[in-house]
Amino acid sequence: MTGKRGNGKSRTYRIAGAGVVGAALIAGTFAAAGAFAGQGGEQTPARTLSAQSIVCPSVEGLPEIPAEAQEEVTKNLELLDKQLAEANSRLAKSQGEGGPNFVQNAILGPLEGKRTAALNRIETAIGRVAEKPEGLERFAPCALGGEGGAGGAGEQAEGAGGEQEAAGGAAGADGAPTVNCPDVAGKLPAAIPAGAQGQVDRELAALEREIGEADARLARSQGEGGPNFIDNAILGPLGNKRKAVIDRIEIAFKREGATPPAGLDGLAECQLNG
């Protein structure tokens, strides 16, 4: 049952968010960053800046928000704005820092991990009382807009969006390392509650997809960044995504009155093969 008041608020919020992000894309300046910073608490400095700002995809395609989920959904949508404002503020303050991959490693990578977690919470909140939306993680990756920033957007959208790269073909090519993650499926009981089976299967598939995407990114990014590039830009965000998936598996068990398997939280972090 949909709460009409709550849903109206959510719809208005999403349209406003799309407008601000669109402004950032069109203008290619920090005007949009200033608008977001007003919500995030930390103001983007008003001094002269390069014509770059971080732009993130607007969260679209949400279903009618049930009244019971409205508060949590709105809170996490607002958190997405706050995270973007903080990232743009960091971008403004850190001009001249680091090497050529500093922005990706220190700002865009961590931002994607935070946005993934918030989007997963939105899915979970709706899924508790209605049909759960799937695939909101595609809105997690952000890129630089403005001068010199357009190149990253297409690559990141590909990694987050629909078509998954063939992990077997790209990963390991030309000596690239591959990701080694703990086996979650093997830790689950043979008898999964019937009401949780569908979601558990989807989440296990998401874990496999995320490993494939990480392997493809490793293959593409050979030679990039400094000694901590892989940890900051690939393994760190991957761990955050896996933690969110594992949380959803545990919630699926609890909804059916079952106790989740012990030790799942320790299976989020991955390493490199070899």
Protein backbone atom coordinates (compact mmCIF):
# COMPACT_ATOMS: atom_id res chain seq x y z
CA MET A 1 0.00 0.00 0.00
CA THR A 2 1.51 3.28 -1.07
CA GLY A 3 1.53 6.35 1.11
CA LYS A 4 0.55 9.17 -1.21
CA ARG A 5 2.06 11.89 0.95
CA GLY A 6 5.37 10.11 1.26
CA ASN A 7 5.55 9.23 -2.40
CA GLY A 8 4.95 12.79 -3.44
CA LYS A 9 7.88 13.95 -1.35
CA SER A 10 10.15 11.33 -2.85
CA ARG A 11 9.18 12.12 -6.41
CA THR A 12 9.76 15.85 -5.90
CA TYR A 13 13.13 15.11 -4.35
CA ARG A 14 14.32 12.97 -7.23
CA ILE A 15 13.34 15.51 -9.85
CA ALA A 16 15.21 18.22 -7.97
CA GLY A 17 18.28 16.03 -7.70
CA ALA A 18 18.25 15.30 -11.41
CA GLY A 19 18.05 19.01 -12.16
CA VAL A 20 21.11 19.84 -10.11
CA VAL A 21 23.19 17.03 -11.58
CA GLY A 22 22.08 18.05 -15.04
CA ALA A 23 23.19 21.59 -14.34
CA ALA A 24 26.63 20.34 -13.39
CA LEU A 25 26.89 18.38 -16.62
CA ILE A 26 25.81 21.29 -18.80
CA ALA A 27 27.73 24.06 -17.09
CA GLY A 28 30.89 22.08 -16.36
CA THR A 29 31.67 24.37 -13.41
CA PHE A 30 31.48 24.31 -9.66
CA ALA A 31 28.08 26.00 -9.64
CA ALA A 32 26.40 22.65 -9.09
CA ALA A 33 28.90 21.70 -6.42
CA GLY A 34 27.95 24.81 -4.49
CA ALA A 35 24.29 23.85 -4.62
CA PHE A 36 25.03 20.41 -3.22
CA ALA A 37 27.39 21.75 -0.60
CA GLY A 38 24.55 23.70 0.93
CA GLN A 39 22.99 20.36 1.89
CA GLY A 40 26.21 18.59 2.86
CA GLY A 41 27.34 20.99 5.58
CA GLU A 42 30.87 21.53 4.23
CA GLN A 43 30.85 24.41 1.79
CA THR A 44 32.78 24.25 -1.48
CA PRO A 45 35.32 27.12 -1.43
CA ALA A 46 34.26 30.13 -3.45
CA ARG A 47 37.79 30.85 -4.73
CA THR A 48 38.63 30.46 -8.43
CA LEU A 49 38.71 26.78 -9.40
CA SER A 50 39.43 24.72 -12.46
CA ALA A 51 36.33 24.09 -14.56
CA GLN A 52 35.78 20.64 -13.12
CA SER A 53 33.34 19.15 -10.70
CA ILE A 54 32.20 15.66 -9.85
CA VAL A 55 28.96 14.62 -11.48
CA CYS A 56 26.94 11.57 -10.49
CA PRO A 57 23.97 9.96 -12.23
CA SER A 58 20.56 10.86 -10.91
CA VAL A 59 18.74 7.98 -9.22
CA GLU A 60 15.83 7.25 -11.54
CA GLY A 61 13.32 4.47 -12.03
CA LEU A 62 12.35 4.03 -8.40
CA PRO A 63 8.91 2.48 -7.92
CA GLU A 64 6.14 4.04 -5.88
CA ILE A 65 7.67 4.38 -2.41
CA PRO A 66 5.59 2.64 0.29
CA ALA A 67 4.86 4.87 3.27
CA GLU A 68 6.70 2.46 5.57
CA ALA A 69 9.92 2.90 3.53
CA GLN A 70 9.61 6.61 2.76
CA GLU A 71 11.69 7.94 5.66
CA GLU A 72 14.65 5.63 5.06
CA VAL A 73 14.58 6.13 1.29
CA THR A 74 14.51 9.90 1.65
CA LYS A 75 17.32 9.81 4.20
CA ASN A 76 19.56 7.85 1.85
CA LEU A 77 18.72 10.02 -1.17
CA GLU A 78 19.74 13.04 0.90
CA LEU A 79 22.90 11.18 1.92
CA LEU A 80 23.82 10.79 -1.76
CA ASP A 81 23.68 14.58 -2.11
CA LYS A 82 25.77 15.05 1.01
CA GLN A 83 28.40 12.60 -0.23
CA LEU A 84 28.62 14.39 -3.57
CA ALA A 85 28.97 17.77 -1.85
CA GLU A 86 31.78 16.46 0.35
CA ALA A 87 33.56 14.95 -2.64
CA ASN A 88 33.34 18.21 -4.60
CA SER A 89 34.65 20.10 -1.58
CA ARG A 90 37.57 17.67 -1.34
CA LEU A 91 38.21 18.10 -5.07
CA ALA A 92 38.35 21.88 -4.68
CA LYS A 93 40.71 21.75 -1.70
CA SER A 94 43.07 19.17 -3.17
CA GLN A 95 44.06 20.82 -6.44
CA GLY A 96 47.67 20.04 -7.21
CA GLU A 97 47.84 17.08 -4.82
CA GLY A 98 48.98 13.61 -5.79
CA GLY A 99 49.73 12.16 -9.20
CA PRO A 100 47.61 11.79 -12.31
CA ASN A 101 45.35 9.21 -10.64
CA PHE A 102 44.87 11.03 -7.34
CA VAL A 103 41.25 12.04 -8.01
CA GLN A 104 40.25 8.51 -9.00
CA ASN A 105 42.02 6.84 -6.08
CA ALA A 106 41.32 9.31 -3.29
CA ILE A 107 37.94 10.80 -4.24
CA LEU A 108 35.98 9.00 -6.98
CA GLY A 109 36.74 5.46 -5.79
CA PRO A 110 35.69 6.02 -2.16
CA LEU A 111 32.66 8.03 -3.31
CA GLU A 112 31.47 5.11 -5.44
CA GLY A 113 31.73 2.78 -2.45
CA LYS A 114 29.69 5.11 -0.25
CA ARG A 115 27.03 5.60 -2.94
CA THR A 116 26.77 1.83 -3.48
CA ALA A 117 26.06 1.30 0.21
CA ALA A 118 23.38 4.05 0.25
CA LEU A 119 21.71 2.68 -2.90
CA ASN A 120 21.69 -0.81 -1.44
CA ARG A 121 19.96 0.51 1.66
CA ILE A 122 17.29 2.09 -0.54
CA GLU A 123 16.70 -1.26 -2.25
CA THR A 124 16.50 -3.03 1.10
CA ALA A 125 14.10 -0.47 2.61
CA ILE A 126 11.65 -0.85 -0.26
CA GLY A 127 12.12 -4.62 -0.39
CA ARG A 128 10.99 -5.01 3.20
CA VAL A 129 7.44 -3.92 2.35
CA ALA A 130 7.14 -4.19 -1.45
CA GLU A 131 8.85 -5.62 -4.50
CA LYS A 132 12.53 -4.84 -4.18
CA PRO A 133 14.05 -2.73 -6.97
CA GLU A 134 17.19 -4.27 -8.44
CA GLY A 135 20.31 -2.79 -9.99
CA LEU A 136 20.43 0.63 -8.35
CA GLU A 137 24.20 0.11 -8.03
CA ARG A 138 24.42 1.30 -11.64
CA PHE A 139 23.97 4.84 -10.32
CA ALA A 140 26.97 4.56 -7.97
CA PRO A 141 29.94 5.50 -10.22
CA CYS A 142 30.62 9.19 -10.71
CA ALA A 143 33.06 11.05 -12.95
CA LEU A 144 34.60 14.45 -13.49
CA GLY A 145 32.60 16.94 -15.54
CA GLY A 146 34.03 20.01 -17.20
CA GLU A 147 37.43 20.41 -18.83
CA GLY A 148 39.44 17.24 -18.95
CA GLY A 149 36.86 15.26 -17.06
CA ALA A 150 34.64 13.74 -19.68
CA GLY A 151 36.82 10.73 -20.38
CA GLY A 152 36.09 8.88 -17.17
CA ALA A 153 32.32 8.97 -17.40
CA GLY A 154 31.85 6.46 -20.18
CA GLU A 155 34.27 3.95 -18.70
CA GLN A 156 32.70 4.09 -15.27
CA ALA A 157 29.16 3.88 -16.61
CA GLU A 158 30.17 0.75 -18.47
CA GLY A 159 31.54 -0.81 -15.31
CA ALA A 160 28.44 -0.04 -13.28
CA GLY A 161 25.71 -0.42 -15.84
CA GLY A 162 24.02 -3.21 -17.66
CA GLU A 163 26.40 -5.21 -19.82
CA GLN A 164 29.09 -6.95 -17.86
CA GLU A 165 32.46 -7.37 -19.50
CA ALA A 166 33.60 -10.91 -20.15
CA ALA A 167 35.63 -11.43 -17.00
CA GLY A 168 37.31 -14.55 -18.31
CA GLY A 169 38.61 -12.81 -21.42
CA ALA A 170 39.78 -9.52 -19.91
CA ALA A 171 40.94 -10.64 -16.50
CA GLY A 172 44.40 -12.09 -16.46
CA ALA A 173 45.22 -10.81 -19.95
CA ASP A 174 48.84 -9.71 -20.44
CA GLY A 175 49.73 -10.81 -16.94
CA ALA A 176 47.11 -8.67 -15.19
CA PRO A 177 46.26 -9.84 -11.66
CA THR A 178 42.81 -11.15 -10.82
CA VAL A 179 40.65 -10.82 -7.74
CA ASN A 180 40.48 -13.58 -5.14
CA CYS A 181 37.40 -13.31 -2.88
CA PRO A 182 36.18 -15.64 -0.11
CA ASP A 183 33.41 -18.05 -1.11
CA VAL A 184 30.08 -16.84 0.30
CA ALA A 185 27.89 -19.52 -1.31
CA GLY A 186 29.89 -22.26 0.37
CA LYS A 187 29.13 -20.79 3.79
CA LEU A 188 25.37 -20.87 3.32
CA PRO A 189 23.31 -23.80 4.62
CA ALA A 190 22.02 -26.40 2.22
CA ALA A 191 18.44 -25.57 3.25
CA ILE A 192 17.79 -21.88 2.66
CA PRO A 193 14.32 -20.64 3.74
CA ALA A 194 12.00 -20.84 0.76
CA GLY A 195 10.97 -17.20 1.09
CA ALA A 196 14.61 -16.07 1.01
CA GLN A 197 15.84 -18.34 -1.78
CA GLY A 198 15.12 -15.97 -4.68
CA GLN A 199 16.87 -13.00 -3.11
CA VAL A 200 19.83 -15.09 -1.95
CA ASP A 201 20.30 -16.39 -5.50
CA ARG A 202 20.22 -12.83 -6.88
CA GLU A 203 22.75 -11.64 -4.31
CA LEU A 204 25.13 -14.52 -5.01
CA ALA A 205 24.91 -13.64 -8.72
CA ALA A 206 25.72 -10.02 -7.81
CA LEU A 207 28.87 -11.17 -6.00
CA GLU A 208 30.03 -13.01 -9.12
CA ARG A 209 29.24 -10.02 -11.32
CA GLU A 210 31.20 -7.69 -9.04
CA ILE A 211 34.25 -9.96 -9.18
CA GLY A 212 34.03 -9.99 -12.97
CA GLU A 213 33.83 -6.21 -13.09
CA ALA A 214 36.82 -5.89 -10.74
CA ASP A 215 38.87 -8.29 -12.86
CA ALA A 216 38.00 -6.33 -16.00
CA ARG A 217 39.03 -3.07 -14.29
CA LEU A 218 42.34 -4.66 -13.24
CA ALA A 219 43.00 -5.67 -16.83
CA ARG A 220 42.21 -2.17 -18.16
CA SER A 221 44.17 -0.25 -15.57
CA GLN A 222 47.58 -1.90 -15.70
CA GLY A 223 50.28 0.69 -15.11
CA GLU A 224 47.91 3.26 -13.60
CA GLY A 225 48.38 4.97 -10.28
CA GLY A 226 50.86 4.44 -7.47
CA PRO A 227 51.46 1.53 -5.12
CA ASN A 228 48.05 1.89 -3.46
CA PHE A 229 46.00 2.28 -6.64
CA ILE A 230 44.56 -1.26 -6.60
CA ASP A 231 43.59 -1.07 -2.92
CA ASN A 232 42.00 2.37 -3.20
CA ALA A 233 40.35 2.16 -6.61
CA ILE A 234 39.44 -1.53 -6.95
CA LEU A 235 39.72 -3.72 -3.84
CA GLY A 236 38.34 -1.09 -1.45
CA PRO A 237 35.17 -0.32 -3.44
CA LEU A 238 34.73 -4.04 -4.17
CA GLY A 239 34.82 -4.80 -0.44
CA ASN A 240 32.14 -2.17 0.20
CA LYS A 241 29.90 -3.63 -2.50
CA ARG A 242 30.33 -7.17 -1.18
CA LYS A 243 29.59 -6.03 2.38
CA ALA A 244 26.28 -4.52 1.16
CA VAL A 245 25.38 -7.75 -0.68
CA ILE A 246 26.19 -9.87 2.38
CA ASP A 247 24.04 -7.57 4.53
CA ARG A 248 21.12 -8.18 2.17
CA ILE A 249 21.62 -11.95 2.38
CA GLU A 250 21.50 -11.77 6.18
CA ILE A 251 18.36 -9.61 6.05
CA ALA A 252 16.70 -12.16 3.72
CA PHE A 253 17.25 -14.88 6.34
CA LYS A 254 15.99 -12.69 9.18
CA ARG A 255 12.81 -11.77 7.30
CA GLU A 256 11.93 -15.46 7.24
CA GLY A 257 12.60 -15.84 10.96
CA ALA A 258 15.85 -17.76 10.34
CA THR A 259 19.28 -17.07 11.82
CA PRO A 260 21.83 -15.99 9.18
CA PRO A 261 24.95 -18.15 8.92
CA ALA A 262 27.73 -17.01 11.23
CA GLY A 263 30.83 -15.36 9.85
CA LEU A 264 29.45 -13.92 6.62
CA ASP A 265 30.67 -10.41 7.46
CA GLY A 266 34.25 -11.64 7.36
CA LEU A 267 33.89 -12.66 3.71
CA ALA A 268 33.62 -9.17 2.20
CA GLU A 269 37.29 -8.29 1.73
CA CYS A 270 39.15 -9.61 -1.31
CA GLN A 271 42.79 -9.90 -2.28
CA LEU A 272 44.70 -10.47 -5.51
CA ASN A 273 45.53 -13.89 -6.89
CA GLY A 274 49.23 -14.57 -6.97
